[in-house]
Amino acid sequence: MKVGVLALQGAFREHIYSLEALDVGAVAVRKPEQLDACVGLIIPGGESTAISKLMASYGFYAPIQARHGEGMAVWGTCAGSILTARVVVDGIEGQKSLELMDVAVRRNAYGRQADSFEADLEFAGLSEAYRGIFIRAPWIESVGEGVEVLARHEGHIVAARQGNCLSTTFHPELTGDPRVHRYFIENVIGSQLRGPQGR
C-alpha cells in the first residue's frame, strides 16, 4: 500500500515521516502520474494559494479529482482542508479548490501566524484527547448532508469526513501523535479497500 503526500509546498516531509513511523509506504508526489500508484493522498498544510497555483501549473486538479472518483482517499490538513472544500470563504480572487468535500472552509479563520495555538480536541473514534496544533488555521464553517463532524474547537468544526475524504484544519504531522494518521489509514483508506461488504 502506497500513500502519497503532495510535495509541492508546505509540511509534506513531516507527513512522510509520520506515515513511515506507522510502517506505511509513503510517496512524495510531485507529478500527476504518481497518483496512479497511490491508494491515498495527503494534501499538507502550507500556503493554500501557493499550493493551488503549483497544482494548476503541474496539472494536478483533474488527475486528483479523477483518482478520487476511482476510490483514492484524500486527506487535507490545514491548507489542504481549504483545497479539498467545495466552498472557500474569504479566499483570494480566483482561488480554486478541488471541491471534493461538501463543506465550506473559512481561510485564516483563527487569524495570523501570531495567533497560532494548541488545544486538546475530542476527536471521534479516539479514546483520549488529541492535542491539535493550529497555525494560521482555517475552520470548517458549514457541512452538507453526508459529512461527519469529527472534532470541534470552541464550537467551530476542525475535523470532518465525507466518504473517502478527510479534512483537518490543524497539523497532526507536527504532534508526534500518530492517531489521526492511523485513523486515515485504517478508517478512510481501509473502508475503500474493504469495499461495501467490509464496512
C-alpha atoms as a PDB file:
ATOM      1  CA  MET A   1       0.000   0.000   0.000  1.00  0.00           C
ATOM      2  CA  LYS A   2       1.368   3.387  -1.021  1.00  0.00           C
ATOM      3  CA  VAL A   3       0.093   6.672   0.355  1.00  0.00           C
ATOM      4  CA  GLY A   4       1.110   9.808  -1.494  1.00  0.00           C
ATOM      5  CA  VAL A   5       1.888  13.179   0.055  1.00  0.00           C
ATOM      6  CA  LEU A   6       1.574  16.134  -2.305  1.00  0.00           C
ATOM      7  CA  ALA A   7       5.110  17.506  -2.214  1.00  0.00           C
ATOM      8  CA  LEU A   8       4.817  20.884  -3.926  1.00  0.00           C
ATOM      9  CA  GLN A   9       4.932  23.186  -0.881  1.00  0.00           C
ATOM     10  CA  GLY A  10       4.285  23.032   2.851  1.00  0.00           C
ATOM     11  CA  ALA A  11       4.793  20.415   5.567  1.00  0.00           C
ATOM     12  CA  PHE A  12       4.928  17.358   3.313  1.00  0.00           C
ATOM     13  CA  ARG A  13       8.114  15.880   4.829  1.00  0.00           C
ATOM     14  CA  GLU A  14       6.533  15.681   8.268  1.00  0.00           C
ATOM     15  CA  HIS A  15       3.602  13.710   6.850  1.00  0.00           C
ATOM     16  CA  ILE A  16       6.007  11.311   5.156  1.00  0.00           C
ATOM     17  CA  TYR A  17       7.840  10.768   8.464  1.00  0.00           C
ATOM     18  CA  SER A  18       4.507  10.168  10.217  1.00  0.00           C
ATOM     19  CA  LEU A  19       3.469   7.559   7.654  1.00  0.00           C
ATOM     20  CA  GLU A  20       6.828   5.820   7.794  1.00  0.00           C
ATOM     21  CA  ALA A  21       6.553   5.648  11.600  1.00  0.00           C
ATOM     22  CA  LEU A  22       3.389   3.569  11.016  1.00  0.00           C
ATOM     23  CA  ASP A  23       5.247   1.320   8.519  1.00  0.00           C
ATOM     24  CA  VAL A  24       3.191   2.716   5.655  1.00  0.00           C
ATOM     25  CA  GLY A  25       4.860   3.217   2.299  1.00  0.00           C
ATOM     26  CA  ALA A  26       4.966   6.966   1.628  1.00  0.00           C
ATOM     27  CA  VAL A  27       5.464   8.632  -1.763  1.00  0.00           C
ATOM     28  CA  ALA A  28       6.434  12.278  -2.251  1.00  0.00           C
ATOM     29  CA  VAL A  29       4.083  13.144  -5.118  1.00  0.00           C
ATOM     30  CA  ARG A  30       5.497  15.762  -7.479  1.00  0.00           C
ATOM     31  CA  LYS A  31       3.946  14.606 -10.771  1.00  0.00           C
ATOM     32  CA  PRO A  32       0.315  13.704 -11.513  1.00  0.00           C
ATOM     33  CA  GLU A  33       1.216  10.286 -12.922  1.00  0.00           C
ATOM     34  CA  GLN A  34       2.494   9.236  -9.482  1.00  0.00           C
ATOM     35  CA  LEU A  35      -1.113   9.251  -8.244  1.00  0.00           C
ATOM     36  CA  ASP A  36      -1.810   6.024 -10.149  1.00  0.00           C
ATOM     37  CA  ALA A  37       0.182   4.003  -7.586  1.00  0.00           C
ATOM     38  CA  CYS A  38      -1.450   5.598  -4.531  1.00  0.00           C
ATOM     39  CA  VAL A  39      -4.452   4.364  -2.538  1.00  0.00           C
ATOM     40  CA  GLY A  40      -4.494   7.650  -0.624  1.00  0.00           C
ATOM     41  CA  LEU A  41      -3.204  11.204  -0.928  1.00  0.00           C
ATOM     42  CA  ILE A  42      -2.426  13.742   1.799  1.00  0.00           C
ATOM     43  CA  ILE A  43      -2.524  17.432   0.862  1.00  0.00           C
ATOM     44  CA  PRO A  44      -0.399  19.130   3.537  1.00  0.00           C
ATOM     45  CA  GLY A  45      -0.547  22.407   5.367  1.00  0.00           C
ATOM     46  CA  GLY A  46       1.322  25.376   3.935  1.00  0.00           C
ATOM     47  CA  GLU A  47       0.097  28.299   1.836  1.00  0.00           C
ATOM     48  CA  SER A  48      -3.160  27.328   0.153  1.00  0.00           C
ATOM     49  CA  THR A  49      -2.714  29.945  -2.577  1.00  0.00           C
ATOM     50  CA  ALA A  50       0.842  28.801  -3.343  1.00  0.00           C
ATOM     51  CA  ILE A  51      -0.151  25.131  -3.376  1.00  0.00           C
ATOM     52  CA  SER A  52      -3.154  25.827  -5.617  1.00  0.00           C
ATOM     53  CA  LYS A  53      -1.020  27.735  -8.123  1.00  0.00           C
ATOM     54  CA  LEU A  54       1.556  24.931  -8.200  1.00  0.00           C
ATOM     55  CA  MET A  55      -1.193  22.331  -8.583  1.00  0.00           C
ATOM     56  CA  ALA A  56      -2.515  24.256 -11.572  1.00  0.00           C
ATOM     57  CA  SER A  57       0.972  24.659 -13.079  1.00  0.00           C
ATOM     58  CA  TYR A  58       1.747  20.938 -12.767  1.00  0.00           C
ATOM     59  CA  GLY A  59      -1.706  19.838 -13.904  1.00  0.00           C
ATOM     60  CA  PHE A  60      -2.885  18.197 -10.677  1.00  0.00           C
ATOM     61  CA  TYR A  61      -6.524  19.273 -10.445  1.00  0.00           C
ATOM     62  CA  ALA A  62      -8.183  16.901 -12.907  1.00  0.00           C
ATOM     63  CA  PRO A  63      -5.994  13.864 -12.033  1.00  0.00           C
ATOM     64  CA  ILE A  64      -6.671  14.202  -8.288  1.00  0.00           C
ATOM     65  CA  GLN A  65     -10.409  14.569  -8.923  1.00  0.00           C
ATOM     66  CA  ALA A  66     -10.360  11.577 -11.273  1.00  0.00           C
ATOM     67  CA  ARG A  67      -8.383   9.323  -8.918  1.00  0.00           C
ATOM     68  CA  HIS A  68     -10.608  10.353  -6.012  1.00  0.00           C
ATOM     69  CA  GLY A  69     -13.612   9.384  -8.099  1.00  0.00           C
ATOM     70  CA  GLU A  70     -11.985   5.990  -8.677  1.00  0.00           C
ATOM     71  CA  GLY A  71     -11.620   5.447  -4.927  1.00  0.00           C
ATOM     72  CA  MET A  72      -8.362   7.122  -3.900  1.00  0.00           C
ATOM     73  CA  ALA A  73      -8.792   8.545  -0.386  1.00  0.00           C
ATOM     74  CA  VAL A  74      -7.784  12.178   0.130  1.00  0.00           C
ATOM     75  CA  TRP A  75      -6.878  13.956   3.378  1.00  0.00           C
ATOM     76  CA  GLY A  76      -6.405  17.707   3.517  1.00  0.00           C
ATOM     77  CA  THR A  77      -4.654  19.233   6.548  1.00  0.00           C
ATOM     78  CA  CYS A  78      -4.853  22.989   7.257  1.00  0.00           C
ATOM     79  CA  ALA A  79      -4.219  24.473   3.791  1.00  0.00           C
ATOM     80  CA  GLY A  80      -5.146  21.075   2.394  1.00  0.00           C
ATOM     81  CA  SER A  81      -8.552  21.344   4.062  1.00  0.00           C
ATOM     82  CA  ILE A  82      -9.118  24.552   2.105  1.00  0.00           C
ATOM     83  CA  LEU A  83      -8.119  22.866  -1.144  1.00  0.00           C
ATOM     84  CA  THR A  84     -10.497  19.919  -0.666  1.00  0.00           C
ATOM     85  CA  ALA A  85     -13.533  22.089   0.208  1.00  0.00           C
ATOM     86  CA  ARG A  86     -16.449  22.770  -2.108  1.00  0.00           C
ATOM     87  CA  VAL A  87     -16.569  26.402  -0.943  1.00  0.00           C
ATOM     88  CA  VAL A  88     -13.678  28.617   0.242  1.00  0.00           C
ATOM     89  CA  VAL A  89     -14.818  31.567   2.382  1.00  0.00           C
ATOM     90  CA  ASP A  90     -12.554  34.647   2.238  1.00  0.00           C
ATOM     91  CA  GLY A  91     -10.355  33.089  -0.428  1.00  0.00           C
ATOM     92  CA  ILE A  92      -8.353  35.302  -2.725  1.00  0.00           C
ATOM     93  CA  GLU A  93      -9.851  36.184  -6.095  1.00  0.00           C
ATOM     94  CA  GLY A  94      -9.670  33.244  -8.455  1.00  0.00           C
ATOM     95  CA  GLN A  95      -8.657  30.760  -5.746  1.00  0.00           C
ATOM     96  CA  LYS A  96      -9.601  27.282  -6.934  1.00  0.00           C
ATOM     97  CA  SER A  97     -10.347  24.228  -4.819  1.00  0.00           C
ATOM     98  CA  LEU A  98     -10.757  20.553  -5.698  1.00  0.00           C
ATOM     99  CA  GLU A  99     -14.382  20.545  -4.445  1.00  0.00           C
ATOM    100  CA  LEU A 100     -14.061  17.014  -3.046  1.00  0.00           C
ATOM    101  CA  MET A 101     -15.978  17.602   0.206  1.00  0.00           C
ATOM    102  CA  ASP A 102     -19.360  19.234   0.684  1.00  0.00           C
ATOM    103  CA  VAL A 103     -18.035  21.742   3.209  1.00  0.00           C
ATOM    104  CA  ALA A 104     -17.331  25.462   3.379  1.00  0.00           C
ATOM    105  CA  VAL A 105     -13.942  26.335   4.879  1.00  0.00           C
ATOM    106  CA  ARG A 106     -13.037  29.816   6.102  1.00  0.00           C
ATOM    107  CA  ARG A 107      -9.476  30.693   5.186  1.00  0.00           C
ATOM    108  CA  ASN A 108      -7.255  32.108   8.020  1.00  0.00           C
ATOM    109  CA  ALA A 109     -10.258  31.931  10.355  1.00  0.00           C
ATOM    110  CA  TYR A 110      -8.145  31.992  13.516  1.00  0.00           C
ATOM    111  CA  GLY A 111      -6.011  34.941  12.424  1.00  0.00           C
ATOM    112  CA  ARG A 112      -2.355  35.447  11.623  1.00  0.00           C
ATOM    113  CA  GLN A 113       0.788  33.451  12.470  1.00  0.00           C
ATOM    114  CA  ALA A 114       0.961  35.183  15.863  1.00  0.00           C
ATOM    115  CA  ASP A 115      -2.487  33.781  16.683  1.00  0.00           C
ATOM    116  CA  SER A 116      -1.340  30.157  16.353  1.00  0.00           C
ATOM    117  CA  PHE A 117      -2.135  27.909  19.320  1.00  0.00           C
ATOM    118  CA  GLU A 118      -2.503  24.369  20.632  1.00  0.00           C
ATOM    119  CA  ALA A 119      -5.653  22.826  22.113  1.00  0.00           C
ATOM    120  CA  ASP A 120      -6.912  19.447  23.305  1.00  0.00           C
ATOM    121  CA  LEU A 121      -9.596  18.063  20.992  1.00  0.00           C
ATOM    122  CA  GLU A 122     -12.204  15.368  21.424  1.00  0.00           C
ATOM    123  CA  PHE A 123     -11.792  13.516  18.118  1.00  0.00           C
ATOM    124  CA  ALA A 124     -14.472  10.951  17.245  1.00  0.00           C
ATOM    125  CA  GLY A 125     -13.054   7.443  17.325  1.00  0.00           C
ATOM    126  CA  LEU A 126     -10.104   8.321  19.552  1.00  0.00           C
ATOM    127  CA  SER A 127     -10.357   7.259  23.182  1.00  0.00           C
ATOM    128  CA  GLU A 128      -8.285  10.149  24.582  1.00  0.00           C
ATOM    129  CA  ALA A 129      -7.966  13.839  23.740  1.00  0.00           C
ATOM    130  CA  TYR A 130      -5.798  14.775  20.776  1.00  0.00           C
ATOM    131  CA  ARG A 131      -3.511  17.806  21.001  1.00  0.00           C
ATOM    132  CA  GLY A 132      -4.207  19.897  17.923  1.00  0.00           C
ATOM    133  CA  ILE A 133      -1.667  22.395  16.588  1.00  0.00           C
ATOM    134  CA  PHE A 134      -3.331  25.322  14.791  1.00  0.00           C
ATOM    135  CA  ILE A 135      -1.098  27.565  12.628  1.00  0.00           C
ATOM    136  CA  ARG A 136      -2.870  30.339  10.689  1.00  0.00           C
ATOM    137  CA  ALA A 137      -5.644  27.804  10.705  1.00  0.00           C
ATOM    138  CA  PRO A 138      -8.950  27.752   8.871  1.00  0.00           C
ATOM    139  CA  TRP A 139     -12.110  26.261  10.294  1.00  0.00           C
ATOM    140  CA  ILE A 140     -14.972  24.414   8.655  1.00  0.00           C
ATOM    141  CA  GLU A 141     -17.841  26.881   8.597  1.00  0.00           C
ATOM    142  CA  SER A 142     -20.592  24.544   7.418  1.00  0.00           C
ATOM    143  CA  VAL A 143     -21.084  20.978   6.230  1.00  0.00           C
ATOM    144  CA  GLY A 144     -23.528  19.345   3.859  1.00  0.00           C
ATOM    145  CA  GLU A 145     -25.516  16.148   4.245  1.00  0.00           C
ATOM    146  CA  GLY A 146     -23.361  13.056   4.475  1.00  0.00           C
ATOM    147  CA  VAL A 147     -20.477  14.882   6.165  1.00  0.00           C
ATOM    148  CA  GLU A 148     -19.495  13.511   9.583  1.00  0.00           C
ATOM    149  CA  VAL A 149     -18.130  16.053  12.068  1.00  0.00           C
ATOM    150  CA  LEU A 150     -15.167  14.514  13.912  1.00  0.00           C
ATOM    151  CA  ALA A 151     -13.893  17.354  16.122  1.00  0.00           C
ATOM    152  CA  ARG A 152     -14.735  20.887  17.216  1.00  0.00           C
ATOM    153  CA  HIS A 153     -12.824  23.665  18.950  1.00  0.00           C
ATOM    154  CA  GLU A 154     -14.893  26.252  20.820  1.00  0.00           C
ATOM    155  CA  GLY A 155     -17.875  25.398  18.662  1.00  0.00           C
ATOM    156  CA  HIS A 156     -16.062  25.532  15.332  1.00  0.00           C
ATOM    157  CA  ILE A 157     -15.652  22.371  13.255  1.00  0.00           C
ATOM    158  CA  VAL A 158     -11.970  21.479  12.861  1.00  0.00           C
ATOM    159  CA  ALA A 159     -12.201  17.912  11.526  1.00  0.00           C
ATOM    160  CA  ALA A 160     -14.716  16.185   9.272  1.00  0.00           C
ATOM    161  CA  ARG A 161     -15.081  13.206   6.986  1.00  0.00           C
ATOM    162  CA  GLN A 162     -17.149  12.518   3.915  1.00  0.00           C
ATOM    163  CA  GLY A 163     -16.749   9.037   2.454  1.00  0.00           C
ATOM    164  CA  ASN A 164     -13.154   8.614   1.370  1.00  0.00           C
ATOM    165  CA  CYS A 165     -12.208  12.225   2.134  1.00  0.00           C
ATOM    166  CA  LEU A 166     -10.884  13.579   5.450  1.00  0.00           C
ATOM    167  CA  SER A 167     -10.352  17.216   6.451  1.00  0.00           C
ATOM    168  CA  THR A 168      -8.472  18.541   9.488  1.00  0.00           C
ATOM    169  CA  THR A 169      -7.795  22.253   9.938  1.00  0.00           C
ATOM    170  CA  PHE A 170      -4.898  21.580  12.334  1.00  0.00           C
ATOM    171  CA  HIS A 171      -1.494  19.900  11.836  1.00  0.00           C
ATOM    172  CA  PRO A 172      -1.384  16.240  13.006  1.00  0.00           C
ATOM    173  CA  GLU A 173       2.004  15.804  11.326  1.00  0.00           C
ATOM    174  CA  LEU A 174       3.628  18.168  13.867  1.00  0.00           C
ATOM    175  CA  THR A 175       2.439  16.464  17.054  1.00  0.00           C
ATOM    176  CA  GLY A 176       4.360  13.193  17.180  1.00  0.00           C
ATOM    177  CA  ASP A 177       0.978  11.563  17.919  1.00  0.00           C
ATOM    178  CA  PRO A 178       0.166   9.041  15.137  1.00  0.00           C
ATOM    179  CA  ARG A 179      -3.513   8.526  15.912  1.00  0.00           C
ATOM    180  CA  VAL A 180      -5.062  10.750  13.219  1.00  0.00           C
ATOM    181  CA  HIS A 181      -2.715   9.312  10.589  1.00  0.00           C
ATOM    182  CA  ARG A 182      -3.726   5.850  11.792  1.00  0.00           C
ATOM    183  CA  TYR A 183      -7.393   6.894  11.568  1.00  0.00           C
ATOM    184  CA  PHE A 184      -6.848   7.916   7.933  1.00  0.00           C
ATOM    185  CA  ILE A 185      -5.111   4.629   7.104  1.00  0.00           C
ATOM    186  CA  GLU A 186      -7.468   2.299   8.943  1.00  0.00           C
ATOM    187  CA  ASN A 187     -10.829   4.037   8.575  1.00  0.00           C
ATOM    188  CA  VAL A 188     -10.746   6.219   5.464  1.00  0.00           C
ATOM    189  CA  ILE A 189      -8.401   4.225   3.208  1.00  0.00           C
ATOM    190  CA  GLY A 190      -9.336   0.956   4.889  1.00  0.00           C
ATOM    191  CA  SER A 191     -13.033   1.392   4.177  1.00  0.00           C
ATOM    192  CA  GLN A 192     -12.275   1.781   0.474  1.00  0.00           C
ATOM    193  CA  LEU A 193     -10.012  -1.286   0.369  1.00  0.00           C
ATOM    194  CA  ARG A 194     -12.569  -3.426   2.230  1.00  0.00           C
ATOM    195  CA  GLY A 195     -15.400  -2.306  -0.018  1.00  0.00           C
ATOM    196  CA  PRO A 196     -19.095  -2.112   0.908  1.00  0.00           C
ATOM    197  CA  GLN A 197     -19.225  -5.618   2.396  1.00  0.00           C
ATOM    198  CA  GLY A 198     -16.260  -4.933   4.691  1.00  0.00           C
ATOM    199  CA  ARG A 199     -17.669  -1.764   6.240  1.00  0.00           C
END
